C-alpha atoms as a PDB file:
ATOM      1  CA  MET A   1      85.067 105.329  47.012  1.00  0.00           C
ATOM      2  CA  LYS A   2      84.669 102.326  49.265  1.00  0.00           C
ATOM      3  CA  LYS A   3      88.224 102.761  50.567  1.00  0.00           C
ATOM      4  CA  PHE A   4      87.573 106.350  51.328  1.00  0.00           C
ATOM      5  CA  LEU A   5      84.455 105.447  53.339  1.00  0.00           C
ATOM      6  CA  VAL A   6      86.281 102.710  55.235  1.00  0.00           C
ATOM      7  CA  LEU A   7      89.017 105.248  56.024  1.00  0.00           C
ATOM      8  CA  LEU A   8      86.481 107.868  57.127  1.00  0.00           C
ATOM      9  CA  LEU A   9      84.761 105.266  59.390  1.00  0.00           C
ATOM     10  CA  LEU A  10      88.045 104.294  60.947  1.00  0.00           C
ATOM     11  CA  LEU A  11      89.005 107.982  61.584  1.00  0.00           C
ATOM     12  CA  GLN A  12      85.582 108.675  63.148  1.00  0.00           C
ATOM     13  CA  THR A  13      85.961 105.666  65.416  1.00  0.00           C
ATOM     14  CA  ALA A  14      89.401 106.823  66.570  1.00  0.00           C
ATOM     15  CA  TYR A  15      88.120 110.378  67.101  1.00  0.00           C
ATOM     16  CA  ALA A  16      85.152 109.043  69.108  1.00  0.00           C
ATOM     17  CA  GLN A  17      87.492 107.136  71.391  1.00  0.00           C
ATOM     18  CA  THR A  18      89.489 110.254  72.253  1.00  0.00           C
ATOM     19  CA  ASN A  19      86.350 112.180  73.040  1.00  0.00           C
ATOM     20  CA  LEU A  20      84.735 109.881  75.567  1.00  0.00           C
ATOM     21  CA  PRO A  21      82.965 111.961  78.257  1.00  0.00           C
ATOM     22  CA  TYR A  22      84.700 110.232  81.193  1.00  0.00           C
ATOM     23  CA  ARG A  23      88.103 111.253  79.646  1.00  0.00           C
ATOM     24  CA  ASN A  24      87.140 114.902  79.049  1.00  0.00           C
ATOM     25  CA  ALA A  25      88.308 117.128  81.894  1.00  0.00           C
ATOM     26  CA  GLN A  26      85.954 119.893  80.714  1.00  0.00           C
ATOM     27  CA  PHE A  27      82.891 117.841  81.666  1.00  0.00           C
ATOM     28  CA  PRO A  28      81.521 117.965  85.139  1.00  0.00           C
ATOM     29  CA  ILE A  29      82.814 115.158  87.480  1.00  0.00           C
ATOM     30  CA  GLU A  30      79.255 113.787  88.071  1.00  0.00           C
ATOM     31  CA  LYS A  31      78.767 113.342  84.316  1.00  0.00           C
ATOM     32  CA  ARG A  32      82.237 111.855  83.805  1.00  0.00           C
ATOM     33  CA  VAL A  33      81.629 109.316  86.656  1.00  0.00           C
ATOM     34  CA  GLN A  34      78.189 108.322  85.390  1.00  0.00           C
ATOM     35  CA  ASP A  35      79.657 107.850  81.906  1.00  0.00           C
ATOM     36  CA  LEU A  36      82.457 105.679  83.089  1.00  0.00           C
ATOM     37  CA  LEU A  37      80.254 103.550  85.305  1.00  0.00           C
ATOM     38  CA  GLY A  38      77.819 103.138  82.411  1.00  0.00           C
ATOM     39  CA  ARG A  39      80.666 101.677  80.280  1.00  0.00           C
ATOM     40  CA  MET A  40      82.061  99.372  82.950  1.00  0.00           C
ATOM     41  CA  THR A  41      81.135  95.717  83.124  1.00  0.00           C
ATOM     42  CA  VAL A  42      80.067  94.115  86.423  1.00  0.00           C
ATOM     43  CA  GLU A  43      83.521  92.317  86.346  1.00  0.00           C
ATOM     44  CA  GLU A  44      85.330  95.636  85.953  1.00  0.00           C
ATOM     45  CA  LYS A  45      83.447  97.211  88.731  1.00  0.00           C
ATOM     46  CA  ALA A  46      84.179  94.274  91.050  1.00  0.00           C
ATOM     47  CA  GLY A  47      87.845  94.454  89.832  1.00  0.00           C
ATOM     48  CA  GLN A  48      88.161  97.938  91.289  1.00  0.00           C
ATOM     49  CA  LEU A  49      87.559  96.433  94.675  1.00  0.00           C
ATOM     50  CA  ASN A  50      90.489  93.983  94.264  1.00  0.00           C
ATOM     51  CA  GLN A  51      93.859  94.905  95.891  1.00  0.00           C
ATOM     52  CA  LEU A  52      97.084  93.036  95.085  1.00  0.00           C
ATOM     53  CA  ASN A  53     100.137  92.844  97.313  1.00  0.00           C
ATOM     54  CA  GLY A  54     102.609  94.860  95.327  1.00  0.00           C
ATOM     55  CA  GLY A  55     105.452  92.899  96.823  1.00  0.00           C
ATOM     56  CA  VAL A  56     104.994  90.608  93.914  1.00  0.00           C
ATOM     57  CA  PHE A  57     106.273  93.353  91.653  1.00  0.00           C
ATOM     58  CA  THR A  58     108.771  95.208  93.829  1.00  0.00           C
ATOM     59  CA  GLY A  59     109.423  93.446  97.077  1.00  0.00           C
ATOM     60  CA  PRO A  60     111.035  90.229  98.116  1.00  0.00           C
ATOM     61  CA  ALA A  61     108.622  88.230  95.922  1.00  0.00           C
ATOM     62  CA  ALA A  62     109.536  90.204  92.800  1.00  0.00           C
ATOM     63  CA  ASN A  63     110.568  87.083  90.950  1.00  0.00           C
ATOM     64  CA  ASP A  64     107.286  85.277  91.865  1.00  0.00           C
ATOM     65  CA  PRO A  65     106.249  82.810  89.190  1.00  0.00           C
ATOM     66  CA  GLY A  66     102.743  84.154  89.460  1.00  0.00           C
ATOM     67  CA  GLN A  67     103.831  87.666  88.638  1.00  0.00           C
ATOM     68  CA  GLN A  68     102.690  87.402  84.968  1.00  0.00           C
ATOM     69  CA  ALA A  69      99.248  86.132  85.942  1.00  0.00           C
ATOM     70  CA  LYS A  70      98.913  89.096  88.306  1.00  0.00           C
ATOM     71  CA  MET A  71      99.967  91.562  85.603  1.00  0.00           C
ATOM     72  CA  ASN A  72      97.349  89.881  83.346  1.00  0.00           C
ATOM     73  CA  ASP A  73      94.832  90.642  86.073  1.00  0.00           C
ATOM     74  CA  VAL A  74      95.857  94.290  85.943  1.00  0.00           C
ATOM     75  CA  LYS A  75      95.553  94.316  82.096  1.00  0.00           C
ATOM     76  CA  ALA A  76      92.061  92.743  82.400  1.00  0.00           C
ATOM     77  CA  GLY A  77      90.798  95.432  84.692  1.00  0.00           C
ATOM     78  CA  ARG A  78      90.578  92.960  87.647  1.00  0.00           C
ATOM     79  CA  VAL A  79      92.688  95.077  89.981  1.00  0.00           C
ATOM     80  CA  GLY A  80      91.964  98.547  91.386  1.00  0.00           C
ATOM     81  CA  SER A  81      94.842  99.079  93.771  1.00  0.00           C
ATOM     82  CA  MET A  82      98.134  97.676  95.143  1.00  0.00           C
ATOM     83  CA  LEU A  83      99.444  97.730  98.656  1.00  0.00           C
ATOM     84  CA  ASN A  84     103.148  97.683  99.540  1.00  0.00           C
ATOM     85  CA  VAL A  85     104.582  98.723  96.176  1.00  0.00           C
ATOM     86  CA  ILE A  86     107.964 100.248  96.751  1.00  0.00           C
ATOM     87  CA  GLY A  87     109.423 102.917  94.487  1.00  0.00           C
ATOM     88  CA  ALA A  88     108.201 105.600  91.984  1.00  0.00           C
ATOM     89  CA  ALA A  89     109.617 103.831  88.996  1.00  0.00           C
ATOM     90  CA  GLU A  90     107.824 100.610  89.880  1.00  0.00           C
ATOM     91  CA  THR A  91     104.429 102.244  90.541  1.00  0.00           C
ATOM     92  CA  ARG A  92     104.852 104.177  87.243  1.00  0.00           C
ATOM     93  CA  ALA A  93     105.549 100.985  85.300  1.00  0.00           C
ATOM     94  CA  VAL A  94     102.363  99.248  86.724  1.00  0.00           C
ATOM     95  CA  GLN A  95     100.375 102.460  86.334  1.00  0.00           C
ATOM     96  CA  LYS A  96     101.445 102.598  82.616  1.00  0.00           C
ATOM     97  CA  VAL A  97     100.005  99.119  82.057  1.00  0.00           C
ATOM     98  CA  ALA A  98      96.730 100.049  83.924  1.00  0.00           C
ATOM     99  CA  VAL A  99      96.236 103.225  81.915  1.00  0.00           C
ATOM    100  CA  GLU A 100      97.437 102.219  78.436  1.00  0.00           C
ATOM    101  CA  GLN A 101      96.734  98.519  78.168  1.00  0.00           C
ATOM    102  CA  THR A 102      93.245  98.197  79.806  1.00  0.00           C
ATOM    103  CA  ARG A 103      89.890  98.702  78.015  1.00  0.00           C
ATOM    104  CA  LEU A 104      88.935 101.829  79.934  1.00  0.00           C
ATOM    105  CA  GLY A 105      92.306 103.161  81.086  1.00  0.00           C
ATOM    106  CA  ILE A 106      91.320 103.525  84.756  1.00  0.00           C
ATOM    107  CA  PRO A 107      94.408 104.490  86.850  1.00  0.00           C
ATOM    108  CA  MET A 108      95.226 102.332  89.846  1.00  0.00           C
ATOM    109  CA  LEU A 109      95.803 103.474  93.520  1.00  0.00           C
ATOM    110  CA  PHE A 110      99.031 102.576  95.170  1.00  0.00           C
ATOM    111  CA  ALA A 111      99.223 102.309  98.879  1.00  0.00           C
ATOM    112  CA  PHE A 112     101.693 101.706 101.747  1.00  0.00           C
ATOM    113  CA  ASP A 113     101.116 101.468 105.417  1.00  0.00           C
ATOM    114  CA  VAL A 114     102.806 104.777 106.478  1.00  0.00           C
ATOM    115  CA  ILE A 115     101.588 104.659 110.052  1.00  0.00           C
ATOM    116  CA  HIS A 116     104.599 106.384 111.627  1.00  0.00           C
ATOM    117  CA  GLY A 117     106.553 107.722 108.647  1.00  0.00           C
ATOM    118  CA  TYR A 118     107.749 106.448 105.245  1.00  0.00           C
ATOM    119  CA  ARG A 119     111.467 107.107 105.028  1.00  0.00           C
ATOM    120  CA  THR A 120     111.754 109.260 108.092  1.00  0.00           C
ATOM    121  CA  ILE A 121     110.346 107.275 111.058  1.00  0.00           C
ATOM    122  CA  PHE A 122     108.349 109.079 113.752  1.00  0.00           C
ATOM    123  CA  PRO A 123     106.617 107.888 116.851  1.00  0.00           C
ATOM    124  CA  ILE A 124     103.307 106.132 116.282  1.00  0.00           C
ATOM    125  CA  PRO A 125     100.333 108.426 116.141  1.00  0.00           C
ATOM    126  CA  LEU A 126      99.092 107.083 119.512  1.00  0.00           C
ATOM    127  CA  ALA A 127     102.387 108.223 121.122  1.00  0.00           C
ATOM    128  CA  GLU A 128     102.116 111.599 119.391  1.00  0.00           C
ATOM    129  CA  ALA A 129      98.599 112.027 120.644  1.00  0.00           C
ATOM    130  CA  CYS A 130      99.837 111.469 124.170  1.00  0.00           C
ATOM    131  CA  SER A 131     102.134 114.447 123.765  1.00  0.00           C
ATOM    132  CA  TRP A 132      99.124 116.759 123.247  1.00  0.00           C
ATOM    133  CA  ASN A 133     101.269 118.508 120.665  1.00  0.00           C
ATOM    134  CA  THR A 134      98.913 118.657 117.628  1.00  0.00           C
ATOM    135  CA  GLU A 135     101.287 120.853 115.641  1.00  0.00           C
ATOM    136  CA  ALA A 136     104.064 118.224 115.855  1.00  0.00           C
ATOM    137  CA  ALA A 137     101.607 115.524 114.899  1.00  0.00           C
ATOM    138  CA  GLU A 138     100.527 117.532 111.926  1.00  0.00           C
ATOM    139  CA  ILE A 139     104.174 118.187 110.780  1.00  0.00           C
ATOM    140  CA  THR A 140     105.170 114.491 111.017  1.00  0.00           C
ATOM    141  CA  ALA A 141     102.072 113.405 109.078  1.00  0.00           C
ATOM    142  CA  SER A 142     102.883 116.069 106.402  1.00  0.00           C
ATOM    143  CA  ILE A 143     106.459 114.848 106.062  1.00  0.00           C
ATOM    144  CA  ALA A 144     105.381 111.272 105.815  1.00  0.00           C
ATOM    145  CA  ALA A 145     102.788 112.131 103.181  1.00  0.00           C
ATOM    146  CA  LYS A 146     105.345 114.056 101.107  1.00  0.00           C
ATOM    147  CA  GLU A 147     107.864 111.284 101.244  1.00  0.00           C
ATOM    148  CA  ALA A 148     105.223 108.685 100.262  1.00  0.00           C
ATOM    149  CA  ALA A 149     103.887 110.795  97.434  1.00  0.00           C
ATOM    150  CA  ALA A 150     107.412 111.226  96.033  1.00  0.00           C
ATOM    151  CA  ALA A 151     107.678 107.448  95.900  1.00  0.00           C
ATOM    152  CA  GLY A 152     104.505 107.141  93.862  1.00  0.00           C
ATOM    153  CA  LEU A 153     102.093 106.316  96.630  1.00  0.00           C
ATOM    154  CA  HIS A 154      98.650 107.854  96.625  1.00  0.00           C
ATOM    155  CA  TRP A 155      97.131 106.370  99.755  1.00  0.00           C
ATOM    156  CA  THR A 156      98.510 105.574 103.275  1.00  0.00           C
END
């Protein structure tokens, strides 16, 4: 009987973890946000404000000896975003760690400075503005956004 009660308690705990309000897409966003914020420690909230240079994982510094320490910061929830991460596979790998190996599973934001294009280079926005061709500026921004999104970037 004791073994059955222990098993029942373990199953209930596992079930409760999958039904957390902040993970339930059926709940209103406001309720989900309030639930998540209520579960976060002050350190985790501050961690969401930290941004790492993603070059440590994908750029010229990819073999940086401090890479593991930075990945440990991701696992501990001390990083909310990365700038200059290159490649969808690389962003997916880091995102997997953030979502599957952190206490709350909060996804990270990945960014790149896509000021005048990502793969296709366009004139800088100031030059486009001087043309007074708003349609062209909108088209170039749309192309840059699609290229960046295809590479796993959420924020430019």
